[in-house]
């Protein structure tokens, strides 16, 4: 590298050449060199939350007369730029780094210090000024919680509510269409489309409640615990002031951790959140698989519905259309479940006063939040909102279903009902015709008792 395109920085390990146009410094470059593992970087949502935290910390230090006014304002201005995503390209540390996330914290400290220095003409230090009253050990857990909270409030919950509302709307529209129910993938008693979809909607509503129940523990931030939870080098009111600023900025009811030793030494709240996301992934997969099966065919499958045709389904079979949206959502669900395993194992890496899997946990939980938010919207808008019910096909199979004989059990008994159903299967006849021959019940009474629509209601 030519001298005019780099500059030298020194630390206790020696000298390193830093690219002239880089905003980061020697700590970041050493981390880039030390961890060439995956090429994966921490998500932008994490970096933006980290910028917010650095700005709030500078303001808190200013209010407590720990920072000079001009230095604090320069840091706040630079931190705002990071929070707005203007300098994402300067955050280059691999996800697989030191487990405390110190390298990513220093990446932020160096970028903000360099920006602040360039803009103000002052000499602003990454550790002494930008990292004042902080430690990586409380900043990174705080950033995980904050970035998760922002994604949940701004993306996930609105997406899940949109999905639930879309399902509920279709449930109401289709409530008068009766279809064959299925248990064990086999024909069972009738059910309406509205009833079936109401189960899906309730799954999503329960998922929303689970997330909301977890939020109070995510709203609690570890900031102020510094190195081991004792708050060393942080003024007593520092965390409270910084967190009030973050709460005002995000409109999220953030608060300091009640116990910093728990906040630094574990990631239980994030493990809990990941478990709730896993449940929602299972719900999305159930709904998606139901859609795939109901759509199967169109001639040799169930063929109850037709999903919107949005792209060609085969590179060799002309005219083939596949249920691509439910399939994509199933793929995302599997990834979320895999991420949960990673996060759970990461949570197990809590030893004494620190968890040492923080960057891996951050990457995977934010990945899961993004996948779930996007999947919920895509499933709602590109599959559930527009599928068409094939009523003629549904009615044909419904009246041929021998399981309807279940309605006669109170009158003729289970054993005789089984004989009627077996004969109807064997002779490929309707249950009504066979029941007329094998019982003394009048035809009109049989029609009333075997009416599929009546069987969807409790009487």
Protein backbone atom coordinates (compact mmCIF):
# COMPACT_ATOMS: atom_id res chain seq x y z
CA UNK A 1 0.00 0.00 0.00
CA UNK A 2 1.37 3.40 -0.94
CA UNK A 3 2.24 5.75 1.90
CA UNK A 4 -0.10 8.46 0.69
CA UNK A 5 -2.98 5.97 0.84
CA UNK A 6 -2.48 4.90 4.44
CA UNK A 7 -1.42 6.13 7.82
CA UNK A 8 0.23 4.47 10.80
CA UNK A 9 -1.52 3.83 14.12
CA UNK A 10 0.12 2.38 17.22
CA UNK A 11 -1.08 0.37 20.17
CA UNK A 12 0.57 -1.83 22.79
CA UNK A 13 0.99 -4.58 20.19
CA UNK A 14 2.87 -2.42 17.70
CA UNK A 15 2.20 -0.43 14.52
CA UNK A 16 -0.44 -1.05 11.82
CA UNK A 17 -1.12 0.66 8.50
CA UNK A 18 -4.71 1.94 8.27
CA UNK A 19 -6.27 2.80 4.87
CA UNK A 20 -6.43 6.55 4.54
CA UNK A 21 -10.13 6.60 3.71
CA UNK A 22 -11.09 4.27 6.59
CA UNK A 23 -13.03 5.74 9.47
CA UNK A 24 -12.15 2.84 11.74
CA UNK A 25 -8.85 2.52 13.58
CA UNK A 26 -6.30 0.03 14.82
CA UNK A 27 -8.63 -2.05 17.01
CA UNK A 28 -11.04 -2.61 14.16
CA UNK A 29 -8.30 -3.45 11.68
CA UNK A 30 -6.76 -5.98 14.05
CA UNK A 31 -10.18 -7.58 14.42
CA UNK A 32 -10.63 -7.70 10.63
CA UNK A 33 -7.27 -9.40 10.34
CA UNK A 34 -7.80 -11.73 13.30
CA UNK A 35 -11.27 -13.02 12.39
CA UNK A 36 -11.42 -13.85 8.66
CA UNK A 37 -13.97 -16.54 9.45
CA UNK A 38 -17.34 -16.12 7.73
CA UNK A 39 -17.58 -12.81 5.91
CA UNK A 40 -20.83 -12.26 7.84
CA UNK A 41 -21.26 -8.86 9.46
CA UNK A 42 -23.57 -7.85 12.26
CA UNK A 43 -26.92 -6.66 10.84
CA UNK A 44 -27.49 -3.01 10.07
CA UNK A 45 -30.23 -2.88 12.71
CA UNK A 46 -27.59 -3.76 15.31
CA UNK A 47 -25.15 -1.08 14.06
CA UNK A 48 -27.89 1.56 13.99
CA UNK A 49 -28.92 0.73 17.57
CA UNK A 50 -25.26 0.90 18.61
CA UNK A 51 -25.08 4.40 17.12
CA UNK A 52 -28.17 5.44 19.10
CA UNK A 53 -26.60 4.15 22.31
CA UNK A 54 -23.31 6.01 21.75
CA UNK A 55 -25.20 9.25 21.16
CA UNK A 56 -27.33 8.81 24.28
CA UNK A 57 -24.24 8.01 26.35
CA UNK A 58 -22.49 11.17 25.14
CA UNK A 59 -25.51 13.28 26.11
CA UNK A 60 -25.71 11.61 29.53
CA UNK A 61 -22.00 12.25 30.10
CA UNK A 62 -22.49 15.86 29.05
CA UNK A 63 -25.41 16.31 31.46
CA UNK A 64 -23.28 14.84 34.25
CA UNK A 65 -20.43 17.21 33.35
CA UNK A 66 -18.14 14.34 32.43
CA UNK A 67 -17.67 15.51 28.82
CA UNK A 68 -16.83 18.92 27.40
CA UNK A 69 -19.76 20.48 25.53
CA UNK A 70 -18.03 20.64 22.15
CA UNK A 71 -16.69 17.10 22.37
CA UNK A 72 -20.09 15.75 23.45
CA UNK A 73 -21.90 17.54 20.63
CA UNK A 74 -19.39 16.24 18.08
CA UNK A 75 -19.85 12.67 19.34
CA UNK A 76 -23.64 13.00 19.34
CA UNK A 77 -23.62 14.32 15.77
CA UNK A 78 -21.35 11.50 14.57
CA UNK A 79 -23.37 8.88 16.47
CA UNK A 80 -26.56 10.14 14.85
CA UNK A 81 -24.97 9.62 11.43
CA UNK A 82 -24.13 6.03 12.36
CA UNK A 83 -27.64 5.47 13.71
CA UNK A 84 -29.06 6.76 10.44
CA UNK A 85 -27.04 4.20 8.48
CA UNK A 86 -24.75 6.63 6.69
CA UNK A 87 -21.56 4.71 7.53
CA UNK A 88 -22.56 1.04 7.49
CA UNK A 89 -19.70 0.23 5.11
CA UNK A 90 -17.16 1.03 7.83
CA UNK A 91 -18.44 -1.72 10.16
CA UNK A 92 -16.46 -4.70 8.91
CA UNK A 93 -15.82 -6.99 11.88
CA UNK A 94 -16.87 -10.61 11.39
CA UNK A 95 -19.74 -12.00 13.47
CA UNK A 96 -17.36 -14.69 14.75
CA UNK A 97 -15.14 -12.53 16.92
CA UNK A 98 -14.38 -12.11 20.59
CA UNK A 99 -17.46 -13.28 22.45
CA UNK A 100 -18.08 -10.03 24.31
CA UNK A 101 -18.38 -8.12 21.03
CA UNK A 102 -15.51 -5.84 22.11
CA UNK A 103 -14.29 -5.59 18.52
CA UNK A 104 -17.67 -4.34 17.31
CA UNK A 105 -17.92 -1.91 20.20
CA UNK A 106 -14.47 -0.56 19.36
CA UNK A 107 -15.42 -0.42 15.68
CA UNK A 108 -18.23 1.95 16.66
CA UNK A 109 -16.03 3.91 19.06
CA UNK A 110 -13.37 4.41 16.38
CA UNK A 111 -15.74 5.34 13.56
CA UNK A 112 -17.61 7.82 15.74
CA UNK A 113 -14.38 9.28 17.17
CA UNK A 114 -12.89 9.74 13.70
CA UNK A 115 -16.06 11.32 12.31
CA UNK A 116 -16.41 13.59 15.32
CA UNK A 117 -12.76 14.64 15.11
CA UNK A 118 -12.93 15.37 11.37
CA UNK A 119 -16.11 17.41 11.69
CA UNK A 120 -15.14 19.38 14.79
CA UNK A 121 -11.39 19.71 14.44
CA UNK A 122 -11.06 18.41 18.00
CA UNK A 123 -9.03 15.40 19.10
CA UNK A 124 -11.67 12.89 20.19
CA UNK A 125 -10.55 9.54 21.58
CA UNK A 126 -12.47 6.28 20.96
CA UNK A 127 -12.06 5.00 24.52
CA UNK A 128 -11.66 8.09 26.67
CA UNK A 129 -14.49 10.04 25.07
CA UNK A 130 -16.85 7.88 22.95
CA UNK A 131 -16.71 4.89 25.33
CA UNK A 132 -16.84 7.00 28.49
CA UNK A 133 -18.83 5.40 31.36
CA UNK A 134 -19.25 2.23 29.29
CA UNK A 135 -17.80 -1.22 28.72
CA UNK A 136 -18.32 -3.60 25.81
CA UNK A 137 -19.77 -5.91 28.43
CA UNK A 138 -22.79 -3.69 29.00
CA UNK A 139 -22.95 -1.90 25.63
CA UNK A 140 -23.27 -5.05 23.49
CA UNK A 141 -26.04 -6.70 25.60
CA UNK A 142 -27.80 -3.32 25.57
CA UNK A 143 -27.48 -3.13 21.79
CA UNK A 144 -28.91 -6.63 21.39
CA UNK A 145 -31.96 -5.75 23.48
CA UNK A 146 -32.47 -2.36 21.87
CA UNK A 147 -32.14 -3.59 18.29
CA UNK A 148 -34.53 -6.46 19.02
CA UNK A 149 -37.06 -4.10 20.61
CA UNK A 150 -36.93 -1.74 17.63
CA UNK A 151 -37.40 -4.60 15.15
CA UNK A 152 -40.27 -6.05 17.18
CA UNK A 153 -42.13 -2.77 17.61
CA UNK A 154 -41.52 -1.41 14.12
CA UNK A 155 -41.53 -4.57 11.98
CA UNK A 156 -42.55 -7.85 13.60
CA UNK A 157 -45.70 -6.94 15.52
CA UNK A 158 -47.19 -4.88 12.65
CA UNK A 159 -46.45 -7.76 10.24
CA UNK A 160 -48.03 -10.36 12.52
CA UNK A 161 -51.11 -8.20 13.10
CA UNK A 162 -51.43 -7.74 9.35
CA UNK A 163 -51.25 -11.52 8.85
CA UNK A 164 -53.82 -12.18 11.59
CA UNK A 165 -56.19 -9.55 10.17
CA UNK A 166 -55.83 -10.96 6.65
CA UNK A 167 -56.65 -14.48 7.86
CA UNK A 168 -59.60 -13.22 9.93
CA UNK A 169 -61.00 -11.33 6.95
CA UNK A 170 -60.80 -14.43 4.74
CA UNK A 171 -62.26 -16.52 7.57
CA UNK A 172 -65.34 -14.30 7.68
CA UNK A 173 -65.68 -14.24 3.90
CA UNK A 174 -65.50 -18.05 3.63
CA UNK A 175 -67.42 -18.98 6.77
CA UNK A 176 -70.43 -20.32 4.83
CA UNK A 177 -68.42 -22.76 2.72
CA UNK A 178 -68.41 -26.24 4.23
CA UNK A 179 -65.60 -28.66 3.40
CA UNK A 180 -64.32 -32.04 4.47
CA UNK A 181 -62.31 -31.90 7.65
CA UNK A 182 -59.19 -34.06 7.90
CA UNK A 183 -57.41 -35.80 10.75
CA UNK A 184 -54.34 -37.98 10.14
CA UNK A 185 -54.55 -36.57 6.56
CA UNK A 186 -57.70 -38.70 6.19
CA UNK A 187 -61.32 -37.61 5.68
CA UNK A 188 -63.06 -36.57 8.90
CA UNK A 189 -66.19 -34.67 9.91
CA UNK A 190 -67.15 -31.47 8.03
CA UNK A 191 -65.77 -28.08 8.93
CA UNK A 192 -66.23 -24.65 7.38
CA UNK A 193 -63.40 -22.75 5.76
CA UNK A 194 -64.07 -20.01 8.28
CA UNK A 195 -63.58 -22.41 11.16
CA UNK A 196 -60.38 -23.78 9.69
CA UNK A 197 -58.91 -20.33 9.11
CA UNK A 198 -59.98 -19.17 12.56
CA UNK A 199 -57.55 -21.72 13.95
CA UNK A 200 -54.74 -20.17 11.92
CA UNK A 201 -55.65 -16.67 13.07
CA UNK A 202 -55.69 -17.76 16.71
CA UNK A 203 -52.23 -19.30 16.33
CA UNK A 204 -50.90 -15.94 15.14
CA UNK A 205 -52.78 -13.97 17.81
CA UNK A 206 -51.32 -16.24 20.49
CA UNK A 207 -47.88 -15.72 18.95
CA UNK A 208 -48.35 -11.97 19.22
CA UNK A 209 -49.31 -12.35 22.88
CA UNK A 210 -46.20 -14.43 23.54
CA UNK A 211 -43.97 -11.74 22.04
CA UNK A 212 -45.75 -9.02 24.02
CA UNK A 213 -45.30 -11.04 27.22
CA UNK A 214 -41.55 -11.22 26.57
CA UNK A 215 -41.12 -7.51 25.80
CA UNK A 216 -40.85 -6.21 29.40
CA UNK A 217 -37.68 -8.29 29.88
CA UNK A 218 -36.27 -7.04 26.57
CA UNK A 219 -37.06 -3.43 27.49
CA UNK A 220 -34.65 -3.79 30.43
CA UNK A 221 -31.16 -2.65 29.35
CA UNK A 222 -27.80 -3.64 30.83
CA UNK A 223 -26.27 -0.20 30.22
CA UNK A 224 -24.65 1.03 33.43
CA UNK A 225 -23.32 -2.34 34.56
CA UNK A 226 -19.98 -1.65 32.77
CA UNK A 227 -17.39 -4.42 33.18
CA UNK A 228 -18.87 -6.96 35.59
CA UNK A 229 -22.17 -5.48 36.79
CA UNK A 230 -20.84 -3.23 39.54
CA UNK A 231 -21.00 -0.08 37.40
CA UNK A 232 -17.34 0.76 37.84
CA UNK A 233 -16.33 4.05 36.10
CA UNK A 234 -19.97 5.00 35.44
CA UNK A 235 -21.62 7.83 37.45
CA UNK A 236 -24.65 6.70 39.47
CA UNK A 237 -27.23 8.46 37.25
CA UNK A 238 -25.51 7.74 33.95
CA UNK A 239 -27.54 4.73 32.82
CA UNK A 240 -30.88 6.20 33.85
CA UNK A 241 -30.20 9.40 31.90
CA UNK A 242 -28.99 7.59 28.78
CA UNK A 243 -31.90 5.15 28.79
CA UNK A 244 -34.46 7.93 29.19
CA UNK A 245 -33.00 9.50 26.04
CA UNK A 246 -33.21 6.18 24.17
CA UNK A 247 -36.81 5.70 25.32
CA UNK A 248 -37.77 9.18 24.15
CA UNK A 249 -36.07 8.64 20.79
CA UNK A 250 -37.57 5.20 20.08
CA UNK A 251 -40.92 5.62 21.88
CA UNK A 252 -40.25 2.26 23.54
CA UNK A 253 -40.66 1.96 27.36
CA UNK A 254 -37.02 1.13 28.00
CA UNK A 255 -35.65 0.92 31.53
CA UNK A 256 -32.41 -0.01 33.33
CA UNK A 257 -31.91 -3.63 34.32
CA UNK A 258 -33.10 -4.32 37.86
CA UNK A 259 -30.01 -6.49 38.35
CA UNK A 260 -26.94 -5.78 36.26
CA UNK A 261 -25.30 -9.05 37.23
CA UNK A 262 -28.11 -10.92 35.49
CA UNK A 263 -28.10 -8.50 32.56
CA UNK A 264 -24.40 -8.93 31.80
CA UNK A 265 -23.91 -12.56 32.72
CA UNK A 266 -26.83 -14.08 30.79
CA UNK A 267 -28.91 -13.72 27.67
CA UNK A 268 -32.05 -15.35 29.07
CA UNK A 269 -34.44 -12.71 27.71
CA UNK A 270 -33.12 -13.18 24.18
CA UNK A 271 -33.27 -16.96 24.53
CA UNK A 272 -36.88 -16.51 25.65
CA UNK A 273 -37.61 -14.28 22.64
CA UNK A 274 -36.03 -16.80 20.30
CA UNK A 275 -38.27 -19.51 21.74
CA UNK A 276 -41.33 -17.38 21.03
CA UNK A 277 -40.12 -16.78 17.47
CA UNK A 278 -39.68 -20.53 17.09
CA UNK A 279 -43.30 -21.08 18.09
CA UNK A 280 -44.40 -18.56 15.47
CA UNK A 281 -42.19 -20.28 12.89
CA UNK A 282 -43.96 -23.55 13.70
CA UNK A 283 -47.32 -21.76 13.29
CA UNK A 284 -46.32 -20.31 9.91
CA UNK A 285 -45.14 -23.72 8.77
CA UNK A 286 -48.43 -25.33 9.80
CA UNK A 287 -50.42 -22.72 7.91
CA UNK A 288 -48.14 -22.94 4.88
CA UNK A 289 -48.32 -26.72 4.74
CA UNK A 290 -52.12 -26.60 4.99
CA UNK A 291 -52.16 -24.19 2.06
CA UNK A 292 -49.84 -26.44 0.04
CA UNK A 293 -52.01 -29.51 0.63
CA UNK A 294 -55.28 -27.70 0.00
CA UNK A 295 -53.78 -26.34 -3.23
CA UNK A 296 -52.31 -29.71 -4.32
CA UNK A 297 -53.19 -30.98 -7.78
CA UNK A 298 -54.82 -29.35 -9.56
CA UNK A 299 -56.19 -32.66 -10.91
CA UNK A 300 -54.60 -35.45 -8.87
CA UNK A 301 -54.44 -33.72 -5.48
CA UNK A 302 -56.91 -32.25 -3.02
CA UNK A 303 -57.49 -29.16 -5.13
CA UNK A 304 -59.75 -27.35 -2.65
CA UNK A 305 -58.14 -23.98 -3.36
CA UNK A 306 -56.05 -22.34 -6.04
CA UNK A 307 -53.24 -20.16 -4.75
CA UNK A 308 -52.34 -17.09 -6.82
CA UNK A 309 -50.16 -18.10 -9.78
CA UNK A 310 -47.15 -15.79 -9.59
CA UNK A 311 -44.37 -17.57 -11.50
CA UNK A 312 -43.55 -20.59 -13.63
CA UNK A 313 -43.11 -23.71 -11.54
CA UNK A 314 -40.85 -25.84 -13.66
CA UNK A 315 -37.93 -25.49 -16.05
CA UNK A 316 -39.03 -28.60 -17.94
CA UNK A 317 -42.82 -28.99 -17.47
CA UNK A 318 -44.67 -26.18 -19.27
CA UNK A 319 -47.69 -24.77 -17.48
CA UNK A 320 -46.75 -26.15 -14.04
CA UNK A 321 -47.42 -23.73 -11.19
CA UNK A 322 -46.15 -24.42 -7.68
CA UNK A 323 -47.10 -23.08 -4.21
CA UNK A 324 -43.92 -21.04 -4.07
CA UNK A 325 -44.92 -18.61 -1.32
CA UNK A 326 -45.82 -21.28 1.27
CA UNK A 327 -42.66 -23.16 0.30
CA UNK A 328 -40.51 -20.06 0.82
CA UNK A 329 -42.15 -19.42 4.19
CA UNK A 330 -41.49 -23.03 5.21
CA UNK A 331 -37.83 -22.51 4.35
CA UNK A 332 -37.70 -19.38 6.49
CA UNK A 333 -39.42 -21.23 9.34
CA UNK A 334 -36.81 -23.98 9.25
CA UNK A 335 -34.05 -21.35 9.39
CA UNK A 336 -35.69 -19.64 12.39
CA UNK A 337 -35.87 -22.98 14.19
CA UNK A 338 -32.18 -23.56 13.41
CA UNK A 339 -31.33 -20.06 14.63
CA UNK A 340 -33.13 -20.84 17.88
CA UNK A 341 -30.84 -23.80 18.45
CA UNK A 342 -27.81 -21.55 17.91
CA UNK A 343 -29.20 -18.90 20.27
CA UNK A 344 -30.01 -21.50 22.91
CA UNK A 345 -26.49 -22.89 22.78
CA UNK A 346 -25.19 -19.31 22.84
CA UNK A 347 -27.20 -18.68 25.97
CA UNK A 348 -25.49 -21.65 27.56
CA UNK A 349 -22.17 -19.84 27.16
CA UNK A 350 -22.84 -17.64 30.16
CA UNK A 351 -19.97 -18.06 32.59
CA UNK A 352 -19.55 -16.08 35.79
CA UNK A 353 -20.06 -12.37 34.92
CA UNK A 354 -20.34 -12.50 31.11
CA UNK A 355 -21.93 -14.33 28.22
CA UNK A 356 -19.29 -14.93 25.53
CA UNK A 357 -21.50 -15.58 22.51
CA UNK A 358 -22.98 -12.11 22.20
CA UNK A 359 -22.19 -11.39 18.50
CA UNK A 360 -23.49 -14.82 17.42
CA UNK A 361 -26.65 -14.36 19.48
CA UNK A 362 -27.13 -10.86 18.04
CA UNK A 363 -26.74 -12.03 14.46
CA UNK A 364 -29.12 -14.95 14.77
CA UNK A 365 -31.89 -13.27 16.75
CA UNK A 366 -31.99 -10.30 14.37
CA UNK A 367 -31.94 -12.71 11.41
CA UNK A 368 -34.93 -14.56 12.88
CA UNK A 369 -36.83 -11.32 13.48
CA UNK A 370 -36.27 -10.23 9.88
CA UNK A 371 -37.26 -13.61 8.43
CA UNK A 372 -40.42 -13.79 10.50
CA UNK A 373 -41.51 -10.22 9.78
CA UNK A 374 -41.03 -10.58 6.03
CA UNK A 375 -42.52 -14.07 5.88
CA UNK A 376 -45.69 -12.97 7.68
CA UNK A 377 -46.30 -10.15 5.20
CA UNK A 378 -45.52 -12.24 2.13
CA UNK A 379 -47.75 -15.09 3.30
CA UNK A 380 -50.61 -12.68 3.97
CA UNK A 381 -50.36 -10.67 0.76
CA UNK A 382 -49.23 -13.24 -1.80
CA UNK A 383 -51.00 -16.39 -0.63
CA UNK A 384 -53.83 -15.99 1.87
CA UNK A 385 -55.38 -12.76 0.61
CA UNK A 386 -55.83 -14.06 -2.94
CA UNK A 387 -56.49 -17.79 -2.93
CA UNK A 388 -59.65 -19.00 -4.67
CA UNK A 389 -61.91 -21.71 -3.26
CA UNK A 390 -62.89 -24.44 -5.73
CA UNK A 391 -66.45 -24.93 -4.44
CA UNK A 392 -67.63 -27.51 -6.99
CA UNK A 393 -64.80 -29.87 -6.11
CA UNK A 394 -65.39 -29.38 -2.40
CA UNK A 395 -69.12 -30.14 -2.63
CA UNK A 396 -68.55 -33.28 -4.70
CA UNK A 397 -66.18 -34.85 -2.17
CA UNK A 398 -68.19 -33.61 0.83
CA UNK A 399 -71.38 -35.55 0.12
CA UNK A 400 -69.40 -38.67 -0.81
CA UNK A 401 -67.63 -38.71 2.57
CA UNK A 402 -68.62 -41.91 4.48
CA UNK A 403 -67.42 -40.34 7.72
CA UNK A 404 -70.70 -38.40 7.76
CA UNK A 405 -72.21 -41.56 9.24
CA UNK A 406 -70.76 -40.35 12.57
CA UNK A 407 -73.86 -38.16 12.86
CA UNK A 408 -76.00 -41.31 13.10
CA UNK A 409 -74.05 -42.83 16.00
CA UNK A 410 -76.51 -41.66 18.70
CA UNK A 411 -79.37 -43.32 16.80
CA UNK A 412 -77.97 -46.49 15.21
CA UNK A 413 -74.79 -47.03 17.25
CA UNK A 414 -71.11 -47.09 16.36
CA UNK A 415 -70.96 -50.68 15.07
CA UNK A 416 -73.77 -50.31 12.56
CA UNK A 417 -72.36 -46.97 11.51
CA UNK A 418 -69.00 -48.62 10.81
CA UNK A 419 -70.73 -51.22 8.58
CA UNK A 420 -72.51 -48.48 6.63
CA UNK A 421 -69.28 -46.50 6.18
CA UNK A 422 -67.36 -49.60 5.07
CA UNK A 423 -69.99 -50.49 2.48
CA UNK A 424 -70.09 -46.91 1.18
CA UNK A 425 -66.30 -46.98 0.75
CA UNK A 426 -66.35 -50.34 -1.01
CA UNK A 427 -69.24 -49.53 -3.35
CA UNK A 428 -68.15 -45.90 -3.90
CA UNK A 429 -71.66 -44.71 -3.04
CA UNK A 430 -72.86 -41.82 -0.92
CA UNK A 431 -73.49 -42.44 2.74
CA UNK A 432 -77.09 -41.27 2.27
CA UNK A 433 -77.87 -44.00 -0.27
CA UNK A 434 -76.34 -46.78 1.83
CA UNK A 435 -77.96 -45.53 5.05
CA UNK A 436 -81.37 -45.56 3.37
CA UNK A 437 -80.90 -49.26 2.68
CA UNK A 438 -79.39 -50.27 6.02
CA UNK A 439 -81.58 -48.27 8.45
CA UNK A 440 -85.26 -47.64 9.02
CA UNK A 441 -84.79 -43.87 9.17
CA UNK A 442 -86.87 -41.84 6.71
CA UNK A 443 -84.95 -40.22 3.85
CA UNK A 444 -85.81 -36.70 4.94
CA UNK A 445 -84.52 -37.41 8.45
CA UNK A 446 -81.35 -38.91 7.02
CA UNK A 447 -80.81 -35.83 4.85
CA UNK A 448 -81.24 -33.62 7.89
CA UNK A 449 -78.92 -35.66 10.08
CA UNK A 450 -76.26 -36.03 7.39
CA UNK A 451 -76.33 -32.41 6.20
CA UNK A 452 -72.63 -31.39 6.23
CA UNK A 453 -73.38 -27.77 7.03
CA UNK A 454 -75.45 -28.77 10.10
CA UNK A 455 -72.56 -30.95 11.28
CA UNK A 456 -70.24 -27.94 11.53
CA UNK A 457 -72.37 -26.58 14.40
CA UNK A 458 -72.87 -27.90 17.91
CA UNK A 459 -76.52 -28.72 18.61
